[in-house]
Amino acid sequence: MNGPVPSAPLPAQVDALVDALLAPEPGARDGADPEELHQMRVAVRRLRVLLKVSGDPLGPAVGGVRRELGWLGSVLGEVRDLDVLIEHLREVVRGFDEVDREPGERLVAEFGARRERARRRMIAALDGDRYPALVRDLRALSGGDVADRGPGGDLVAAVRRSYRKLCRAVAALPDDPPDADLHALRITSKRLRYVAEAARRAADPKRARRLKQLVKACGRLQAVLGEHQDAVVCARRVREVAGDDPAVCFVAGRIVQHEAARRARARARWPETLDDIHAAAAALGLE
C-alpha cells in the first residue's frame, strides 16, 4: 500500500485491506517466504485499528468482526513470531566460531520444529469455517452504505486521540521503564501509525503529506521498540529451550548476553525518536 495515496472513503479502505489480507495467503500457507505471512498479519492489524476508530458508520456488526480479527491475528502471530526469532537466531549463530555453531544450530532447529507445529495449527484454522466467515463479514462491511463526512475528518480526530494517548503513555513512564511498559508503548505507537495511515488515505493532498511524516516518525519509534521487545523475547525463549546439553547451554548463554546488549542499545535510542513524532503532530495541529 505504498505510492500515491488517493482519497479513499471508508468502505474502499476496508475492501483494499481485505484484498491485502487475501493476496499473500497462498504464500503464507506455503511458508517458503516469511514475508507473505507478515503481510497477512499487518493487514489484520490495520483492519482492527480502522474498524476501531471508525466502526459506528459501518454498522453494529463491527464489534464482532474486530473480535474475530483478534482471533485471526493470534493464529497468524504464533508462526510469525517464530519466523522473526529463527531468522535472528540464525544470524547470531552464524557469527559464532565453529565449536559453538553446531550446538547453536541445534538450538535453532528446536524452534524450527515448534514453528512447523504452529504452521500446521495455522493452516487448520484457515481451512476451518471461522476464517472464510470472517472474510465474508468484512466484505459485507465494505459494501455498506456509509455517509461521506468529508476528507477524513473523523479519522483525523482519531489521530489526535491516538497521539494524545501516546503522549500520556510516554509521560507516565519512569526513568528506567519496565520491559512490559516499553512493549505497551510500542503497541500504542503502532496504533497511531495505522490510524494516521487510514486518515492519510482519506485526506486532501496537503494533509496527506503531513500525515505521511507522522506515519514515518511512528514507524521509527516502532522499529526501535520492536528491536527491544524482540531482544527481550529472544532471551526468554532461548532460556526456555536450552535443556541439559552443556554445549547448548553455553551457546544459549552467549545468545542471552548478545540480546542483553541489543536490548540496552534500543533503550538508549528510543527517546530520540519522539522528537519527530511531536514535530509531525504539531504540523497537523494535533497538540
C-alpha atoms as a PDB file:
ATOM      1  CA  MET A   1       0.000   0.000   0.000  1.00  0.00           C
ATOM      2  CA  ASN A   2       2.818   2.370  -0.924  1.00  0.00           C
ATOM      3  CA  GLY A   3       2.993   5.036  -3.614  1.00  0.00           C
ATOM      4  CA  PRO A   4       0.477   7.810  -4.334  1.00  0.00           C
ATOM      5  CA  VAL A   5      -2.426   7.929  -1.910  1.00  0.00           C
ATOM      6  CA  PRO A   6      -5.754   8.804  -3.490  1.00  0.00           C
ATOM      7  CA  SER A   7      -8.581   9.981  -1.273  1.00  0.00           C
ATOM      8  CA  ALA A   8     -10.371   6.780  -0.227  1.00  0.00           C
ATOM      9  CA  PRO A   9     -13.712   6.542   1.596  1.00  0.00           C
ATOM     10  CA  LEU A  10     -14.022   4.144   4.487  1.00  0.00           C
ATOM     11  CA  PRO A  11     -15.650   1.184   2.659  1.00  0.00           C
ATOM     12  CA  ALA A  12     -12.975   1.336  -0.039  1.00  0.00           C
ATOM     13  CA  GLN A  13     -10.250   1.270   2.615  1.00  0.00           C
ATOM     14  CA  VAL A  14     -11.801  -1.793   4.254  1.00  0.00           C
ATOM     15  CA  ASP A  15     -12.088  -3.511   0.885  1.00  0.00           C
ATOM     16  CA  ALA A  16      -8.470  -2.725  -0.007  1.00  0.00           C
ATOM     17  CA  LEU A  17      -7.267  -4.128   3.304  1.00  0.00           C
ATOM     18  CA  VAL A  18      -9.275  -7.320   2.787  1.00  0.00           C
ATOM     19  CA  ASP A  19      -7.522  -7.644  -0.574  1.00  0.00           C
ATOM     20  CA  ALA A  20      -4.202  -7.093   1.227  1.00  0.00           C
ATOM     21  CA  LEU A  21      -5.135  -9.873   3.647  1.00  0.00           C
ATOM     22  CA  LEU A  22      -6.068 -12.383   0.958  1.00  0.00           C
ATOM     23  CA  ALA A  23      -3.330 -11.734  -1.607  1.00  0.00           C
ATOM     24  CA  PRO A  24      -0.427 -13.219   0.417  1.00  0.00           C
ATOM     25  CA  GLU A  25      -2.485 -16.090   1.863  1.00  0.00           C
ATOM     26  CA  PRO A  26      -1.217 -18.788  -0.565  1.00  0.00           C
ATOM     27  CA  GLY A  27       2.385 -17.861   0.216  1.00  0.00           C
ATOM     28  CA  ALA A  28       1.675 -17.746   3.937  1.00  0.00           C
ATOM     29  CA  ARG A  29       0.230 -21.245   3.773  1.00  0.00           C
ATOM     30  CA  ASP A  30       3.241 -22.495   1.818  1.00  0.00           C
ATOM     31  CA  GLY A  31       5.639 -20.991   4.326  1.00  0.00           C
ATOM     32  CA  ALA A  32       8.600 -20.571   1.979  1.00  0.00           C
ATOM     33  CA  ASP A  33       8.707 -16.772   2.273  1.00  0.00           C
ATOM     34  CA  PRO A  34       8.011 -15.424   5.791  1.00  0.00           C
ATOM     35  CA  GLU A  35       7.191 -12.013   4.314  1.00  0.00           C
ATOM     36  CA  GLU A  36       3.883 -13.342   2.973  1.00  0.00           C
ATOM     37  CA  LEU A  37       2.671 -14.223   6.465  1.00  0.00           C
ATOM     38  CA  HIS A  38       3.949 -10.883   7.740  1.00  0.00           C
ATOM     39  CA  GLN A  39       1.819  -9.056   5.174  1.00  0.00           C
ATOM     40  CA  MET A  40      -1.280 -11.000   6.238  1.00  0.00           C
ATOM     41  CA  ARG A  41      -0.673 -10.128   9.865  1.00  0.00           C
ATOM     42  CA  VAL A  42      -0.137  -6.437   9.084  1.00  0.00           C
ATOM     43  CA  ALA A  43      -3.414  -6.358   7.134  1.00  0.00           C
ATOM     44  CA  VAL A  44      -5.221  -7.826  10.147  1.00  0.00           C
ATOM     45  CA  ARG A  45      -3.767  -5.189  12.442  1.00  0.00           C
ATOM     46  CA  ARG A  46      -4.639  -2.348  10.087  1.00  0.00           C
ATOM     47  CA  LEU A  47      -8.181  -3.622   9.742  1.00  0.00           C
ATOM     48  CA  ARG A  48      -8.633  -3.849  13.508  1.00  0.00           C
ATOM     49  CA  VAL A  49      -7.433  -0.290  14.023  1.00  0.00           C
ATOM     50  CA  LEU A  50      -9.512   1.079  11.160  1.00  0.00           C
ATOM     51  CA  LEU A  51     -12.667  -0.603  12.443  1.00  0.00           C
ATOM     52  CA  LYS A  52     -11.997   0.567  15.975  1.00  0.00           C
ATOM     53  CA  VAL A  53     -11.654   4.244  15.105  1.00  0.00           C
ATOM     54  CA  SER A  54     -14.498   4.376  12.587  1.00  0.00           C
ATOM     55  CA  GLY A  55     -16.770   1.493  13.487  1.00  0.00           C
ATOM     56  CA  ASP A  56     -20.128   3.213  14.095  1.00  0.00           C
ATOM     57  CA  PRO A  57     -20.860   4.213  10.490  1.00  0.00           C
ATOM     58  CA  LEU A  58     -20.143   0.668   9.350  1.00  0.00           C
ATOM     59  CA  GLY A  59     -22.950  -0.764  11.451  1.00  0.00           C
ATOM     60  CA  PRO A  60     -23.431  -2.877  14.587  1.00  0.00           C
ATOM     61  CA  ALA A  61     -21.515  -5.886  13.266  1.00  0.00           C
ATOM     62  CA  VAL A  62     -18.166  -4.113  13.648  1.00  0.00           C
ATOM     63  CA  GLY A  63     -17.532  -5.240  17.234  1.00  0.00           C
ATOM     64  CA  GLY A  64     -17.882  -8.908  16.383  1.00  0.00           C
ATOM     65  CA  VAL A  65     -15.726  -8.570  13.281  1.00  0.00           C
ATOM     66  CA  ARG A  66     -12.977  -6.901  15.318  1.00  0.00           C
ATOM     67  CA  ARG A  67     -13.051  -9.759  17.823  1.00  0.00           C
ATOM     68  CA  GLU A  68     -12.699 -12.275  15.009  1.00  0.00           C
ATOM     69  CA  LEU A  69      -9.795 -10.294  13.589  1.00  0.00           C
ATOM     70  CA  GLY A  70      -8.177 -10.555  17.012  1.00  0.00           C
ATOM     71  CA  TRP A  71      -8.545 -14.328  16.821  1.00  0.00           C
ATOM     72  CA  LEU A  72      -7.029 -14.394  13.332  1.00  0.00           C
ATOM     73  CA  GLY A  73      -4.159 -12.191  14.466  1.00  0.00           C
ATOM     74  CA  SER A  74      -3.302 -14.641  17.235  1.00  0.00           C
ATOM     75  CA  VAL A  75      -3.451 -17.564  14.793  1.00  0.00           C
ATOM     76  CA  LEU A  76      -1.024 -15.858  12.411  1.00  0.00           C
ATOM     77  CA  GLY A  77       1.089 -14.341  15.168  1.00  0.00           C
ATOM     78  CA  GLU A  78       2.296 -17.626  16.641  1.00  0.00           C
ATOM     79  CA  VAL A  79       4.032 -18.565  13.385  1.00  0.00           C
ATOM     80  CA  ARG A  80       5.182 -15.042  12.551  1.00  0.00           C
ATOM     81  CA  ASP A  81       6.834 -14.562  15.942  1.00  0.00           C
ATOM     82  CA  LEU A  82       8.784 -17.780  15.443  1.00  0.00           C
ATOM     83  CA  ASP A  83       9.794 -16.661  11.939  1.00  0.00           C
ATOM     84  CA  VAL A  84      11.299 -13.481  13.382  1.00  0.00           C
ATOM     85  CA  LEU A  85      13.020 -15.365  16.180  1.00  0.00           C
ATOM     86  CA  ILE A  86      14.501 -18.042  13.904  1.00  0.00           C
ATOM     87  CA  GLU A  87      15.777 -15.528  11.356  1.00  0.00           C
ATOM     88  CA  HIS A  88      17.522 -13.527  14.082  1.00  0.00           C
ATOM     89  CA  LEU A  89      18.997 -16.584  15.806  1.00  0.00           C
ATOM     90  CA  ARG A  90      20.411 -17.889  12.535  1.00  0.00           C
ATOM     91  CA  GLU A  91      22.176 -14.578  12.025  1.00  0.00           C
ATOM     92  CA  VAL A  92      23.592 -14.608  15.561  1.00  0.00           C
ATOM     93  CA  VAL A  93      24.753 -18.228  15.340  1.00  0.00           C
ATOM     94  CA  ARG A  94      26.483 -17.612  12.005  1.00  0.00           C
ATOM     95  CA  GLY A  95      28.763 -15.210  13.842  1.00  0.00           C
ATOM     96  CA  PHE A  96      29.951 -17.884  16.299  1.00  0.00           C
ATOM     97  CA  ASP A  97      33.143 -19.870  15.916  1.00  0.00           C
ATOM     98  CA  GLU A  98      32.835 -23.418  14.615  1.00  0.00           C
ATOM     99  CA  VAL A  99      32.802 -25.129  18.003  1.00  0.00           C
ATOM    100  CA  ASP A 100      29.717 -23.142  19.084  1.00  0.00           C
ATOM    101  CA  ARG A 101      27.993 -23.025  15.717  1.00  0.00           C
ATOM    102  CA  GLU A 102      26.851 -26.663  15.725  1.00  0.00           C
ATOM    103  CA  PRO A 103      25.110 -26.575  19.132  1.00  0.00           C
ATOM    104  CA  GLY A 104      23.700 -23.184  18.137  1.00  0.00           C
ATOM    105  CA  GLU A 105      22.172 -24.731  15.039  1.00  0.00           C
ATOM    106  CA  ARG A 106      20.637 -27.478  17.178  1.00  0.00           C
ATOM    107  CA  LEU A 107      19.022 -24.812  19.333  1.00  0.00           C
ATOM    108  CA  VAL A 108      17.649 -23.065  16.241  1.00  0.00           C
ATOM    109  CA  ALA A 109      16.344 -26.411  14.950  1.00  0.00           C
ATOM    110  CA  GLU A 110      14.224 -26.768  18.094  1.00  0.00           C
ATOM    111  CA  PHE A 111      12.495 -23.502  17.253  1.00  0.00           C
ATOM    112  CA  GLY A 112      12.120 -24.687  13.669  1.00  0.00           C
ATOM    113  CA  ALA A 113      10.229 -27.744  14.896  1.00  0.00           C
ATOM    114  CA  ARG A 114       7.993 -25.547  17.020  1.00  0.00           C
ATOM    115  CA  ARG A 115       7.333 -23.318  14.021  1.00  0.00           C
ATOM    116  CA  GLU A 116       6.270 -26.275  11.890  1.00  0.00           C
ATOM    117  CA  ARG A 117       3.774 -27.400  14.529  1.00  0.00           C
ATOM    118  CA  ALA A 118       2.439 -23.843  14.783  1.00  0.00           C
ATOM    119  CA  ARG A 119       2.155 -23.645  10.986  1.00  0.00           C
ATOM    120  CA  ARG A 120       0.051 -26.808  10.907  1.00  0.00           C
ATOM    121  CA  ARG A 121      -2.265 -25.285  13.507  1.00  0.00           C
ATOM    122  CA  MET A 122      -2.482 -22.095  11.460  1.00  0.00           C
ATOM    123  CA  ILE A 123      -3.398 -23.953   8.265  1.00  0.00           C
ATOM    124  CA  ALA A 124      -6.046 -25.948  10.122  1.00  0.00           C
ATOM    125  CA  ALA A 125      -7.544 -22.678  11.346  1.00  0.00           C
ATOM    126  CA  LEU A 126      -7.522 -21.142   7.860  1.00  0.00           C
ATOM    127  CA  ASP A 127      -9.164 -24.301   6.477  1.00  0.00           C
ATOM    128  CA  GLY A 128     -11.944 -24.166   9.055  1.00  0.00           C
ATOM    129  CA  ASP A 129     -15.265 -22.335   8.874  1.00  0.00           C
ATOM    130  CA  ARG A 130     -14.285 -19.370  11.019  1.00  0.00           C
ATOM    131  CA  TYR A 131     -11.816 -17.699   8.636  1.00  0.00           C
ATOM    132  CA  PRO A 132     -13.977 -17.652   5.474  1.00  0.00           C
ATOM    133  CA  ALA A 133     -16.897 -16.419   7.574  1.00  0.00           C
ATOM    134  CA  LEU A 134     -14.726 -13.536   8.764  1.00  0.00           C
ATOM    135  CA  VAL A 135     -13.781 -12.657   5.182  1.00  0.00           C
ATOM    136  CA  ARG A 136     -17.461 -12.646   4.195  1.00  0.00           C
ATOM    137  CA  ASP A 137     -18.311 -10.370   7.116  1.00  0.00           C
ATOM    138  CA  LEU A 138     -15.508  -7.991   6.163  1.00  0.00           C
ATOM    139  CA  ARG A 139     -16.744  -7.833   2.575  1.00  0.00           C
ATOM    140  CA  ALA A 140     -20.244  -7.101   3.858  1.00  0.00           C
ATOM    141  CA  LEU A 141     -18.886  -4.186   5.901  1.00  0.00           C
ATOM    142  CA  SER A 142     -17.042  -2.718   2.933  1.00  0.00           C
ATOM    143  CA  GLY A 143     -20.224  -2.873   0.867  1.00  0.00           C
ATOM    144  CA  GLY A 144     -22.226  -0.936   3.416  1.00  0.00           C
ATOM    145  CA  ASP A 145     -23.816   2.488   2.934  1.00  0.00           C
ATOM    146  CA  VAL A 146     -21.522   4.954   4.705  1.00  0.00           C
ATOM    147  CA  ALA A 147     -22.170   8.664   4.606  1.00  0.00           C
ATOM    148  CA  ASP A 148     -19.352  10.863   3.315  1.00  0.00           C
ATOM    149  CA  ARG A 149     -18.368  13.109   6.197  1.00  0.00           C
ATOM    150  CA  GLY A 150     -15.598  14.975   4.429  1.00  0.00           C
ATOM    151  CA  PRO A 151     -11.947  14.206   3.688  1.00  0.00           C
ATOM    152  CA  GLY A 152     -11.026  12.089   6.675  1.00  0.00           C
ATOM    153  CA  GLY A 153     -12.405  14.462   9.301  1.00  0.00           C
ATOM    154  CA  ASP A 154     -13.381  11.764  11.807  1.00  0.00           C
ATOM    155  CA  LEU A 155     -10.177   9.847  11.156  1.00  0.00           C
ATOM    156  CA  VAL A 156      -8.119  12.966  11.846  1.00  0.00           C
ATOM    157  CA  ALA A 157      -9.931  13.290  15.166  1.00  0.00           C
ATOM    158  CA  ALA A 158      -8.966   9.667  15.817  1.00  0.00           C
ATOM    159  CA  VAL A 159      -5.341  10.524  15.008  1.00  0.00           C
ATOM    160  CA  ARG A 160      -5.486  13.308  17.597  1.00  0.00           C
ATOM    161  CA  ARG A 161      -6.856  10.939  20.226  1.00  0.00           C
ATOM    162  CA  SER A 162      -4.218   8.335  19.433  1.00  0.00           C
ATOM    163  CA  TYR A 163      -1.431  10.913  19.553  1.00  0.00           C
ATOM    164  CA  ARG A 164      -2.572  12.214  22.926  1.00  0.00           C
ATOM    165  CA  LYS A 165      -2.747   8.662  24.220  1.00  0.00           C
ATOM    166  CA  LEU A 166       0.868   8.195  23.128  1.00  0.00           C
ATOM    167  CA  CYS A 167       1.887  11.409  24.910  1.00  0.00           C
ATOM    168  CA  ARG A 168       0.179  10.283  28.121  1.00  0.00           C
ATOM    169  CA  ALA A 169       1.880   6.894  27.918  1.00  0.00           C
ATOM    170  CA  VAL A 170       5.307   8.499  27.495  1.00  0.00           C
ATOM    171  CA  ALA A 171       4.688  10.955  30.353  1.00  0.00           C
ATOM    172  CA  ALA A 172       3.722   8.097  32.683  1.00  0.00           C
ATOM    173  CA  LEU A 173       6.958   6.150  32.127  1.00  0.00           C
ATOM    174  CA  PRO A 174       9.528   6.074  34.926  1.00  0.00           C
ATOM    175  CA  ASP A 175      13.179   6.859  34.237  1.00  0.00           C
ATOM    176  CA  ASP A 176      14.009   3.180  33.680  1.00  0.00           C
ATOM    177  CA  PRO A 177      10.787   1.723  32.266  1.00  0.00           C
ATOM    178  CA  PRO A 178       9.989  -1.969  32.723  1.00  0.00           C
ATOM    179  CA  ASP A 179      10.162  -4.030  29.549  1.00  0.00           C
ATOM    180  CA  ALA A 180       6.385  -4.502  29.568  1.00  0.00           C
ATOM    181  CA  ASP A 181       5.812  -0.727  29.609  1.00  0.00           C
ATOM    182  CA  LEU A 182       8.020  -0.218  26.546  1.00  0.00           C
ATOM    183  CA  HIS A 183       6.197  -3.044  24.786  1.00  0.00           C
ATOM    184  CA  ALA A 184       2.878  -1.337  25.558  1.00  0.00           C
ATOM    185  CA  LEU A 185       4.273   1.938  24.222  1.00  0.00           C
ATOM    186  CA  ARG A 186       5.241   0.179  21.012  1.00  0.00           C
ATOM    187  CA  ILE A 187       1.679  -1.055  20.582  1.00  0.00           C
ATOM    188  CA  THR A 188       0.380   2.469  21.193  1.00  0.00           C
ATOM    189  CA  SER A 189       2.752   3.912  18.588  1.00  0.00           C
ATOM    190  CA  LYS A 190       1.779   1.208  16.116  1.00  0.00           C
ATOM    191  CA  ARG A 191      -1.909   2.055  16.520  1.00  0.00           C
ATOM    192  CA  LEU A 192      -1.178   5.744  15.999  1.00  0.00           C
ATOM    193  CA  ARG A 193       0.716   4.855  12.835  1.00  0.00           C
ATOM    194  CA  TYR A 194      -2.134   2.755  11.452  1.00  0.00           C
ATOM    195  CA  VAL A 195      -4.751   5.403  12.266  1.00  0.00           C
ATOM    196  CA  ALA A 196      -2.570   8.029  10.570  1.00  0.00           C
ATOM    197  CA  GLU A 197      -2.267   5.761   7.515  1.00  0.00           C
ATOM    198  CA  ALA A 198      -6.044   5.426   7.311  1.00  0.00           C
ATOM    199  CA  ALA A 199      -6.531   9.183   7.716  1.00  0.00           C
ATOM    200  CA  ARG A 200      -3.914   9.817   5.033  1.00  0.00           C
ATOM    201  CA  ARG A 201      -5.846   7.736   2.510  1.00  0.00           C
ATOM    202  CA  ALA A 202      -8.984   9.800   3.130  1.00  0.00           C
ATOM    203  CA  ALA A 203      -7.313  13.235   3.368  1.00  0.00           C
ATOM    204  CA  ASP A 204      -6.755  16.078   0.957  1.00  0.00           C
ATOM    205  CA  PRO A 205      -3.230  16.164  -0.586  1.00  0.00           C
ATOM    206  CA  LYS A 206      -1.782  18.767   1.799  1.00  0.00           C
ATOM    207  CA  ARG A 207      -2.913  16.987   4.932  1.00  0.00           C
ATOM    208  CA  ALA A 208      -1.936  13.627   3.430  1.00  0.00           C
ATOM    209  CA  ARG A 209       1.671  14.832   3.100  1.00  0.00           C
ATOM    210  CA  ARG A 210       1.751  15.875   6.741  1.00  0.00           C
ATOM    211  CA  LEU A 211       0.184  12.621   7.857  1.00  0.00           C
ATOM    212  CA  LYS A 212       2.859  10.770   5.886  1.00  0.00           C
ATOM    213  CA  GLN A 213       5.515  12.395   8.077  1.00  0.00           C
ATOM    214  CA  LEU A 214       3.681  11.235  11.194  1.00  0.00           C
ATOM    215  CA  VAL A 215       3.452   7.707   9.791  1.00  0.00           C
ATOM    216  CA  LYS A 216       7.192   7.660   9.148  1.00  0.00           C
ATOM    217  CA  ALA A 217       8.026   9.045  12.587  1.00  0.00           C
ATOM    218  CA  CYS A 218       5.847   6.450  14.310  1.00  0.00           C
ATOM    219  CA  GLY A 219       7.490   3.763  12.196  1.00  0.00           C
ATOM    220  CA  ARG A 220      10.919   4.768  13.540  1.00  0.00           C
ATOM    221  CA  LEU A 221       9.739   4.568  17.160  1.00  0.00           C
ATOM    222  CA  GLN A 222       8.000   1.275  16.427  1.00  0.00           C
ATOM    223  CA  ALA A 223      11.176  -0.160  14.875  1.00  0.00           C
ATOM    224  CA  VAL A 224      13.398   0.718  17.839  1.00  0.00           C
ATOM    225  CA  LEU A 225      10.913  -0.565  20.397  1.00  0.00           C
ATOM    226  CA  GLY A 226      10.428  -3.653  18.218  1.00  0.00           C
ATOM    227  CA  GLU A 227      14.157  -4.358  18.484  1.00  0.00           C
ATOM    228  CA  HIS A 228      13.852  -4.012  22.244  1.00  0.00           C
ATOM    229  CA  GLN A 229      10.905  -6.374  22.504  1.00  0.00           C
ATOM    230  CA  ASP A 230      12.458  -8.914  20.145  1.00  0.00           C
ATOM    231  CA  ALA A 231      15.603  -8.956  22.303  1.00  0.00           C
ATOM    232  CA  VAL A 232      13.561  -9.500  25.463  1.00  0.00           C
ATOM    233  CA  VAL A 233      11.533 -12.306  23.890  1.00  0.00           C
ATOM    234  CA  CYS A 234      14.564 -13.953  22.283  1.00  0.00           C
ATOM    235  CA  ALA A 235      16.463 -14.131  25.570  1.00  0.00           C
ATOM    236  CA  ARG A 236      13.440 -15.557  27.385  1.00  0.00           C
ATOM    237  CA  ARG A 237      12.663 -18.209  24.788  1.00  0.00           C
ATOM    238  CA  VAL A 238      16.291 -19.310  24.452  1.00  0.00           C
ATOM    239  CA  ARG A 239      16.439 -19.867  28.211  1.00  0.00           C
ATOM    240  CA  GLU A 240      13.273 -21.977  27.948  1.00  0.00           C
ATOM    241  CA  VAL A 241      14.711 -24.420  25.387  1.00  0.00           C
ATOM    242  CA  ALA A 242      18.358 -24.601  26.477  1.00  0.00           C
ATOM    243  CA  GLY A 243      17.857 -28.021  28.112  1.00  0.00           C
ATOM    244  CA  ASP A 244      20.649 -30.021  29.791  1.00  0.00           C
ATOM    245  CA  ASP A 245      23.219 -30.282  26.998  1.00  0.00           C
ATOM    246  CA  PRO A 246      26.292 -28.354  28.240  1.00  0.00           C
ATOM    247  CA  ALA A 247      27.281 -27.180  24.767  1.00  0.00           C
ATOM    248  CA  VAL A 248      23.776 -25.893  24.009  1.00  0.00           C
ATOM    249  CA  CYS A 249      23.550 -24.262  27.435  1.00  0.00           C
ATOM    250  CA  PHE A 250      26.850 -22.465  26.816  1.00  0.00           C
ATOM    251  CA  VAL A 251      25.654 -21.192  23.435  1.00  0.00           C
ATOM    252  CA  ALA A 252      22.325 -20.172  24.964  1.00  0.00           C
ATOM    253  CA  GLY A 253      24.262 -18.091  27.490  1.00  0.00           C
ATOM    254  CA  ARG A 254      26.146 -16.370  24.680  1.00  0.00           C
ATOM    255  CA  ILE A 255      22.880 -15.593  22.914  1.00  0.00           C
ATOM    256  CA  VAL A 256      21.299 -14.216  26.076  1.00  0.00           C
ATOM    257  CA  GLN A 257      24.322 -11.959  26.557  1.00  0.00           C
ATOM    258  CA  HIS A 258      24.027 -10.800  22.942  1.00  0.00           C
ATOM    259  CA  GLU A 259      20.336  -9.981  23.442  1.00  0.00           C
ATOM    260  CA  ALA A 260      21.058  -8.041  26.626  1.00  0.00           C
ATOM    261  CA  ALA A 261      23.362  -5.750  24.639  1.00  0.00           C
ATOM    262  CA  ARG A 262      20.754  -5.432  21.885  1.00  0.00           C
ATOM    263  CA  ARG A 263      18.124  -4.504  24.471  1.00  0.00           C
ATOM    264  CA  ALA A 264      20.410  -1.873  26.008  1.00  0.00           C
ATOM    265  CA  ARG A 265      21.056  -0.241  22.626  1.00  0.00           C
ATOM    266  CA  ALA A 266      17.335   0.042  21.928  1.00  0.00           C
ATOM    267  CA  ARG A 267      16.704   1.528  25.372  1.00  0.00           C
ATOM    268  CA  ALA A 268      19.284   4.214  24.687  1.00  0.00           C
ATOM    269  CA  ARG A 269      17.809   5.078  21.275  1.00  0.00           C
ATOM    270  CA  TRP A 270      14.040   5.141  21.616  1.00  0.00           C
ATOM    271  CA  PRO A 271      13.603   8.556  23.342  1.00  0.00           C
ATOM    272  CA  GLU A 272      15.276  10.390  20.443  1.00  0.00           C
ATOM    273  CA  THR A 273      12.591   9.148  18.036  1.00  0.00           C
ATOM    274  CA  LEU A 274       9.890  11.106  19.877  1.00  0.00           C
ATOM    275  CA  ASP A 275      11.022  14.499  18.563  1.00  0.00           C
ATOM    276  CA  ASP A 276       9.977  13.654  15.005  1.00  0.00           C
ATOM    277  CA  ILE A 277       6.569  12.441  16.181  1.00  0.00           C
ATOM    278  CA  HIS A 278       5.935  15.656  18.099  1.00  0.00           C
ATOM    279  CA  ALA A 279       7.081  17.764  15.126  1.00  0.00           C
ATOM    280  CA  ALA A 280       4.767  15.921  12.741  1.00  0.00           C
ATOM    281  CA  ALA A 281       1.883  16.234  15.206  1.00  0.00           C
ATOM    282  CA  ALA A 282       2.491  19.975  15.556  1.00  0.00           C
ATOM    283  CA  ALA A 283       2.384  20.397  11.773  1.00  0.00           C
ATOM    284  CA  LEU A 284      -1.030  18.708  11.811  1.00  0.00           C
ATOM    285  CA  GLY A 285      -2.284  20.830  14.695  1.00  0.00           C
ATOM    286  CA  LEU A 286      -2.733  17.820  16.955  1.00  0.00           C
ATOM    287  CA  GLU A 287      -1.150  19.335  20.049  1.00  0.00           C
END
